[in-house]
Amino acid sequence: MPLPTDRTQPTHGQQLSRAEPVEIWKARKARAVNVSANHLSEKFKHVTSVNFVDYVARTRFEKARRLLEDVDLRISEIAFAVGFQSLSQFNRVFKKLSRKSPTEFRASLLKHSKARANQKIGSLINAK
């Protein structure tokens, strides 16, 4: 069952679309299998041992982490594209799960990327 955050990765310069809110998505899926949204959540927790809302937050967080590698995407674009309803909600969940704000996380990605590039250049120079 695809999540409301499932979107294809945008190509360079492509805009992200906004994911639908989890409650709307859950209600639609529940109707499709002829159960209530609450029953769907209860069954999900019973089968997976994970709260449905926590699962969706984690999935959105993981998607956002990947999208933060693209410096051409604004953090607010990413937040809404993966399904968060506000930037403050996104920042709160992201920091809770990664211990860094999205901005800090992106900065650390860039720092590590530059360090790897410098190592490669150094290796190429030393190999000659």
N, C-alpha and C. Protein backbone atom coordinates (compact mmCIF):
# COMPACT_ATOMS: atom_id res chain seq x y z
N MET A 1 0.86 -1.17 0.00
CA MET A 1 0.00 0.00 0.00
C MET A 1 0.90 1.23 0.00
N PRO A 2 0.98 1.97 -1.08
CA PRO A 2 1.85 3.13 -1.14
C PRO A 2 1.41 4.20 -0.16
N LEU A 3 2.39 4.85 0.42
CA LEU A 3 2.10 5.93 1.38
C LEU A 3 1.78 7.22 0.65
N PRO A 4 1.18 8.17 1.36
CA PRO A 4 0.89 9.45 0.73
C PRO A 4 2.17 10.22 0.41
N THR A 5 3.31 9.73 0.89
CA THR A 5 4.57 10.39 0.61
C THR A 5 5.27 9.81 -0.59
N ASP A 6 4.75 8.74 -1.16
CA ASP A 6 5.40 8.12 -2.31
C ASP A 6 5.28 9.03 -3.52
N ARG A 7 6.38 9.54 -3.95
CA ARG A 7 6.47 10.40 -5.12
C ARG A 7 7.74 10.01 -5.85
N THR A 8 7.75 10.20 -7.12
CA THR A 8 8.98 9.93 -7.84
C THR A 8 9.97 11.03 -7.50
N GLN A 9 11.23 10.69 -7.53
CA GLN A 9 12.28 11.66 -7.24
C GLN A 9 12.28 12.70 -8.37
N PRO A 10 12.26 13.99 -8.03
CA PRO A 10 12.24 15.00 -9.09
C PRO A 10 13.58 15.05 -9.80
N THR A 11 13.54 15.35 -11.06
CA THR A 11 14.78 15.56 -11.79
C THR A 11 15.23 16.99 -11.52
N HIS A 12 16.45 17.29 -11.85
CA HIS A 12 17.01 18.60 -11.59
C HIS A 12 16.10 19.71 -12.14
N GLY A 13 15.75 20.65 -11.27
CA GLY A 13 14.93 21.77 -11.68
C GLY A 13 13.43 21.50 -11.68
N GLN A 14 13.03 20.26 -11.40
CA GLN A 14 11.61 19.92 -11.40
C GLN A 14 11.01 20.26 -10.04
N GLN A 15 9.77 20.73 -10.03
CA GLN A 15 9.09 21.06 -8.78
C GLN A 15 8.51 19.81 -8.15
N LEU A 16 8.46 19.80 -6.82
CA LEU A 16 7.86 18.70 -6.10
C LEU A 16 6.36 18.95 -5.98
N SER A 17 5.59 17.88 -5.98
CA SER A 17 4.16 18.04 -5.74
C SER A 17 3.90 17.86 -4.24
N ARG A 18 2.78 18.38 -3.79
CA ARG A 18 2.45 18.32 -2.37
C ARG A 18 1.71 17.02 -2.06
N ALA A 19 2.17 16.31 -1.04
CA ALA A 19 1.52 15.07 -0.63
C ALA A 19 0.24 15.39 0.13
N GLU A 20 -0.71 14.46 0.08
CA GLU A 20 -1.96 14.71 0.78
C GLU A 20 -1.80 14.42 2.27
N PRO A 21 -2.60 15.07 3.11
CA PRO A 21 -2.52 14.84 4.56
C PRO A 21 -2.79 13.38 4.90
N VAL A 22 -2.13 12.89 5.93
CA VAL A 22 -2.21 11.48 6.30
C VAL A 22 -3.64 11.07 6.66
N GLU A 23 -4.40 11.92 7.30
CA GLU A 23 -5.76 11.55 7.69
C GLU A 23 -6.67 11.34 6.47
N ILE A 24 -6.50 12.16 5.46
CA ILE A 24 -7.29 12.01 4.24
C ILE A 24 -6.87 10.72 3.53
N TRP A 25 -5.58 10.49 3.44
CA TRP A 25 -5.06 9.30 2.79
C TRP A 25 -5.54 8.05 3.51
N LYS A 26 -5.44 8.07 4.86
CA LYS A 26 -5.85 6.90 5.65
C LYS A 26 -7.35 6.63 5.49
N ALA A 27 -8.17 7.68 5.50
CA ALA A 27 -9.62 7.51 5.34
C ALA A 27 -9.95 6.93 3.97
N ARG A 28 -9.24 7.38 2.95
CA ARG A 28 -9.47 6.87 1.59
C ARG A 28 -9.11 5.39 1.49
N LYS A 29 -7.98 5.01 2.10
CA LYS A 29 -7.54 3.61 2.08
C LYS A 29 -8.50 2.74 2.89
N ALA A 30 -8.97 3.26 4.02
CA ALA A 30 -9.91 2.51 4.85
C ALA A 30 -11.22 2.26 4.09
N ARG A 31 -11.72 3.28 3.40
CA ARG A 31 -12.94 3.12 2.60
C ARG A 31 -12.74 2.07 1.51
N ALA A 32 -11.54 2.05 0.94
CA ALA A 32 -11.26 1.11 -0.15
C ALA A 32 -11.37 -0.34 0.31
N VAL A 33 -11.06 -0.59 1.58
CA VAL A 33 -11.15 -1.96 2.11
C VAL A 33 -12.35 -2.12 3.04
N ASN A 34 -13.23 -1.11 3.03
CA ASN A 34 -14.50 -1.17 3.75
C ASN A 34 -14.35 -1.32 5.27
N VAL A 35 -13.41 -0.55 5.86
CA VAL A 35 -13.25 -0.49 7.31
C VAL A 35 -13.12 0.98 7.71
N SER A 36 -13.24 1.25 9.01
CA SER A 36 -13.07 2.63 9.48
C SER A 36 -11.58 2.96 9.54
N ALA A 37 -11.27 4.24 9.53
CA ALA A 37 -9.88 4.69 9.63
C ALA A 37 -9.27 4.23 10.96
N ASN A 38 -10.06 4.29 12.02
CA ASN A 38 -9.55 3.83 13.33
C ASN A 38 -9.24 2.34 13.31
N HIS A 39 -10.12 1.56 12.70
CA HIS A 39 -9.89 0.12 12.62
C HIS A 39 -8.62 -0.16 11.81
N LEU A 40 -8.44 0.55 10.72
CA LEU A 40 -7.23 0.40 9.91
C LEU A 40 -5.99 0.69 10.76
N SER A 41 -6.02 1.77 11.54
CA SER A 41 -4.89 2.11 12.41
C SER A 41 -4.62 1.03 13.44
N GLU A 42 -5.69 0.52 14.05
CA GLU A 42 -5.54 -0.53 15.06
C GLU A 42 -4.92 -1.79 14.45
N LYS A 43 -5.41 -2.18 13.29
CA LYS A 43 -4.87 -3.38 12.62
C LYS A 43 -3.42 -3.16 12.21
N PHE A 44 -3.11 -1.97 11.74
CA PHE A 44 -1.74 -1.65 11.34
C PHE A 44 -0.81 -1.82 12.55
N LYS A 45 -1.20 -1.26 13.68
CA LYS A 45 -0.38 -1.37 14.89
C LYS A 45 -0.27 -2.82 15.33
N HIS A 46 -1.35 -3.57 15.26
CA HIS A 46 -1.34 -4.98 15.66
C HIS A 46 -0.37 -5.79 14.78
N VAL A 47 -0.38 -5.54 13.50
CA VAL A 47 0.45 -6.31 12.56
C VAL A 47 1.91 -5.86 12.60
N THR A 48 2.15 -4.55 12.69
CA THR A 48 3.52 -4.03 12.57
C THR A 48 4.17 -3.68 13.90
N SER A 49 3.38 -3.57 14.97
CA SER A 49 3.85 -3.12 16.28
C SER A 49 4.31 -1.66 16.26
N VAL A 50 3.89 -0.93 15.25
CA VAL A 50 4.24 0.48 15.12
C VAL A 50 2.96 1.28 14.96
N ASN A 51 2.87 2.39 15.67
CA ASN A 51 1.75 3.30 15.53
C ASN A 51 1.73 3.83 14.10
N PHE A 52 0.55 3.88 13.49
CA PHE A 52 0.42 4.30 12.09
C PHE A 52 0.98 5.71 11.86
N VAL A 53 0.64 6.64 12.74
CA VAL A 53 1.10 8.03 12.59
C VAL A 53 2.62 8.10 12.72
N ASP A 54 3.19 7.34 13.66
CA ASP A 54 4.65 7.31 13.80
C ASP A 54 5.32 6.73 12.57
N TYR A 55 4.70 5.70 12.00
CA TYR A 55 5.24 5.09 10.79
C TYR A 55 5.26 6.10 9.63
N VAL A 56 4.17 6.82 9.48
CA VAL A 56 4.09 7.80 8.40
C VAL A 56 5.11 8.92 8.64
N ALA A 57 5.24 9.38 9.89
CA ALA A 57 6.22 10.44 10.19
C ALA A 57 7.63 9.96 9.87
N ARG A 58 7.95 8.73 10.24
CA ARG A 58 9.29 8.18 9.96
C ARG A 58 9.52 8.06 8.45
N THR A 59 8.52 7.62 7.73
CA THR A 59 8.63 7.48 6.28
C THR A 59 8.83 8.84 5.62
N ARG A 60 8.08 9.82 6.07
CA ARG A 60 8.24 11.18 5.53
C ARG A 60 9.62 11.74 5.86
N PHE A 61 10.09 11.47 7.06
CA PHE A 61 11.42 11.91 7.47
C PHE A 61 12.49 11.30 6.56
N GLU A 62 12.40 10.00 6.31
CA GLU A 62 13.39 9.32 5.46
C GLU A 62 13.39 9.90 4.05
N LYS A 63 12.21 10.15 3.51
CA LYS A 63 12.10 10.75 2.18
C LYS A 63 12.72 12.15 2.18
N ALA A 64 12.43 12.93 3.22
CA ALA A 64 12.98 14.28 3.33
C ALA A 64 14.50 14.26 3.42
N ARG A 65 15.03 13.30 4.17
CA ARG A 65 16.50 13.19 4.27
C ARG A 65 17.13 13.02 2.90
N ARG A 66 16.53 12.17 2.08
CA ARG A 66 17.07 11.97 0.72
C ARG A 66 16.94 13.24 -0.12
N LEU A 67 15.81 13.91 0.00
CA LEU A 67 15.59 15.12 -0.80
C LEU A 67 16.49 16.27 -0.37
N LEU A 68 16.91 16.29 0.88
CA LEU A 68 17.78 17.37 1.36
C LEU A 68 19.15 17.34 0.69
N GLU A 69 19.49 16.25 0.05
CA GLU A 69 20.76 16.18 -0.69
C GLU A 69 20.74 17.10 -1.90
N ASP A 70 19.56 17.41 -2.39
CA ASP A 70 19.43 18.30 -3.56
C ASP A 70 19.36 19.74 -3.06
N VAL A 71 20.46 20.46 -3.17
CA VAL A 71 20.52 21.82 -2.64
C VAL A 71 19.65 22.80 -3.44
N ASP A 72 19.17 22.38 -4.59
CA ASP A 72 18.29 23.25 -5.38
C ASP A 72 16.85 23.25 -4.85
N LEU A 73 16.53 22.31 -3.97
CA LEU A 73 15.18 22.26 -3.38
C LEU A 73 15.17 23.03 -2.06
N ARG A 74 14.19 23.90 -1.91
CA ARG A 74 14.04 24.62 -0.64
C ARG A 74 13.52 23.66 0.42
N ILE A 75 13.91 23.90 1.65
CA ILE A 75 13.48 23.04 2.75
C ILE A 75 11.96 23.07 2.88
N SER A 76 11.35 24.21 2.67
CA SER A 76 9.89 24.28 2.76
C SER A 76 9.23 23.45 1.66
N GLU A 77 9.81 23.45 0.45
CA GLU A 77 9.29 22.61 -0.64
C GLU A 77 9.31 21.14 -0.25
N ILE A 78 10.42 20.73 0.34
CA ILE A 78 10.59 19.35 0.75
C ILE A 78 9.56 18.99 1.82
N ALA A 79 9.41 19.86 2.81
CA ALA A 79 8.48 19.60 3.91
C ALA A 79 7.07 19.33 3.39
N PHE A 80 6.59 20.19 2.51
CA PHE A 80 5.23 20.03 2.01
C PHE A 80 5.11 18.87 1.02
N ALA A 81 6.17 18.64 0.25
CA ALA A 81 6.13 17.55 -0.73
C ALA A 81 6.05 16.18 -0.07
N VAL A 82 6.69 16.03 1.08
CA VAL A 82 6.66 14.72 1.74
C VAL A 82 5.44 14.56 2.64
N GLY A 83 4.66 15.64 2.79
CA GLY A 83 3.37 15.49 3.48
C GLY A 83 3.19 16.20 4.79
N PHE A 84 4.19 16.95 5.24
CA PHE A 84 3.99 17.72 6.47
C PHE A 84 3.09 18.90 6.17
N GLN A 85 2.22 19.23 7.12
CA GLN A 85 1.24 20.27 6.91
C GLN A 85 1.75 21.67 7.27
N SER A 86 2.88 21.73 7.97
CA SER A 86 3.49 23.02 8.29
C SER A 86 4.99 22.84 8.40
N LEU A 87 5.70 23.93 8.22
CA LEU A 87 7.15 23.89 8.32
C LEU A 87 7.57 23.64 9.77
N SER A 88 6.84 24.19 10.73
CA SER A 88 7.19 23.96 12.14
C SER A 88 7.02 22.49 12.52
N GLN A 89 5.97 21.85 12.00
CA GLN A 89 5.77 20.42 12.27
C GLN A 89 6.93 19.62 11.66
N PHE A 90 7.31 19.95 10.44
CA PHE A 90 8.42 19.28 9.78
C PHE A 90 9.70 19.44 10.59
N ASN A 91 10.01 20.67 10.99
CA ASN A 91 11.23 20.92 11.77
C ASN A 91 11.23 20.15 13.08
N ARG A 92 10.09 20.11 13.75
CA ARG A 92 9.98 19.41 15.04
C ARG A 92 10.21 17.91 14.86
N VAL A 93 9.55 17.30 13.89
CA VAL A 93 9.70 15.86 13.66
C VAL A 93 11.11 15.53 13.19
N PHE A 94 11.64 16.35 12.29
CA PHE A 94 12.98 16.10 11.75
C PHE A 94 14.01 16.14 12.87
N LYS A 95 13.91 17.15 13.73
CA LYS A 95 14.89 17.28 14.82
C LYS A 95 14.72 16.14 15.82
N LYS A 96 13.51 15.72 16.07
CA LYS A 96 13.26 14.61 16.99
C LYS A 96 13.91 13.32 16.48
N LEU A 97 13.82 13.08 15.18
CA LEU A 97 14.32 11.83 14.61
C LEU A 97 15.80 11.86 14.25
N SER A 98 16.36 13.04 14.01
CA SER A 98 17.76 13.09 13.58
C SER A 98 18.68 13.83 14.55
N ARG A 99 18.08 14.50 15.54
CA ARG A 99 18.82 15.34 16.49
C ARG A 99 19.48 16.55 15.82
N LYS A 100 19.04 16.84 14.60
CA LYS A 100 19.50 18.02 13.87
C LYS A 100 18.31 18.64 13.18
N SER A 101 18.36 19.95 12.99
CA SER A 101 17.33 20.60 12.18
C SER A 101 17.60 20.24 10.72
N PRO A 102 16.61 20.41 9.85
CA PRO A 102 16.86 20.14 8.43
C PRO A 102 18.02 20.97 7.88
N THR A 103 18.14 22.21 8.31
CA THR A 103 19.23 23.07 7.86
C THR A 103 20.58 22.52 8.33
N GLU A 104 20.65 22.11 9.59
CA GLU A 104 21.89 21.54 10.12
C GLU A 104 22.23 20.23 9.41
N PHE A 105 21.21 19.43 9.16
CA PHE A 105 21.42 18.16 8.48
C PHE A 105 21.99 18.39 7.07
N ARG A 106 21.39 19.32 6.34
CA ARG A 106 21.87 19.61 4.98
C ARG A 106 23.30 20.14 5.02
N ALA A 107 23.60 21.00 5.98
CA ALA A 107 24.95 21.55 6.11
C ALA A 107 25.96 20.42 6.37
N SER A 108 25.59 19.45 7.20
CA SER A 108 26.51 18.33 7.47
C SER A 108 26.69 17.47 6.22
N LEU A 109 25.64 17.31 5.42
CA LEU A 109 25.77 16.58 4.16
C LEU A 109 26.76 17.27 3.23
N LEU A 110 26.63 18.58 3.12
CA LEU A 110 27.52 19.34 2.25
C LEU A 110 28.96 19.28 2.73
N LYS A 111 29.14 19.34 4.05
CA LYS A 111 30.49 19.28 4.63
C LYS A 111 31.13 17.93 4.33
N HIS A 112 30.38 16.85 4.52
CA HIS A 112 30.91 15.51 4.24
C HIS A 112 31.16 15.31 2.75
N SER A 113 30.31 15.87 1.92
CA SER A 113 30.47 15.76 0.48
C SER A 113 31.76 16.46 0.03
N LYS A 114 32.02 17.64 0.57
CA LYS A 114 33.25 18.37 0.24
C LYS A 114 34.48 17.61 0.72
N ALA A 115 34.40 17.02 1.91
CA ALA A 115 35.53 16.27 2.45
C ALA A 115 35.83 15.07 1.57
N ARG A 116 34.80 14.36 1.10
CA ARG A 116 35.01 13.21 0.22
C ARG A 116 35.63 13.65 -1.11
N ALA A 117 35.17 14.77 -1.63
CA ALA A 117 35.73 15.27 -2.89
C ALA A 117 37.20 15.62 -2.71
N ASN A 118 37.54 16.25 -1.60
CA ASN A 118 38.94 16.60 -1.33
C ASN A 118 39.80 15.35 -1.17
N GLN A 119 39.25 14.29 -0.54
CA GLN A 119 39.99 13.03 -0.42
C GLN A 119 40.26 12.42 -1.78
N LYS A 120 39.26 12.45 -2.67
CA LYS A 120 39.43 11.90 -4.01
C LYS A 120 40.50 12.66 -4.77
N ILE A 121 40.46 13.98 -4.67
CA ILE A 121 41.45 14.81 -5.36
C ILE A 121 42.84 14.50 -4.82
N GLY A 122 42.93 14.40 -3.48
CA GLY A 122 44.23 14.06 -2.87
C GLY A 122 44.74 12.72 -3.32
N SER A 123 43.86 11.75 -3.42
CA SER A 123 44.25 10.41 -3.87
C SER A 123 44.74 10.43 -5.31
N LEU A 124 44.06 11.21 -6.15
CA LEU A 124 44.47 11.32 -7.55
C LEU A 124 45.83 11.99 -7.68
N ILE A 125 46.07 13.00 -6.87
CA ILE A 125 47.36 13.72 -6.91
C ILE A 125 48.47 12.82 -6.42
N ASN A 126 48.22 12.11 -5.32
CA ASN A 126 49.25 11.22 -4.75
C ASN A 126 49.52 10.00 -5.60
N ALA A 127 48.56 9.61 -6.43
CA ALA A 127 48.73 8.43 -7.27
C ALA A 127 49.67 8.69 -8.43
N LYS A 128 49.91 9.95 -8.74
CA LYS A 128 50.78 10.28 -9.89
C LYS A 128 52.22 10.24 -9.55
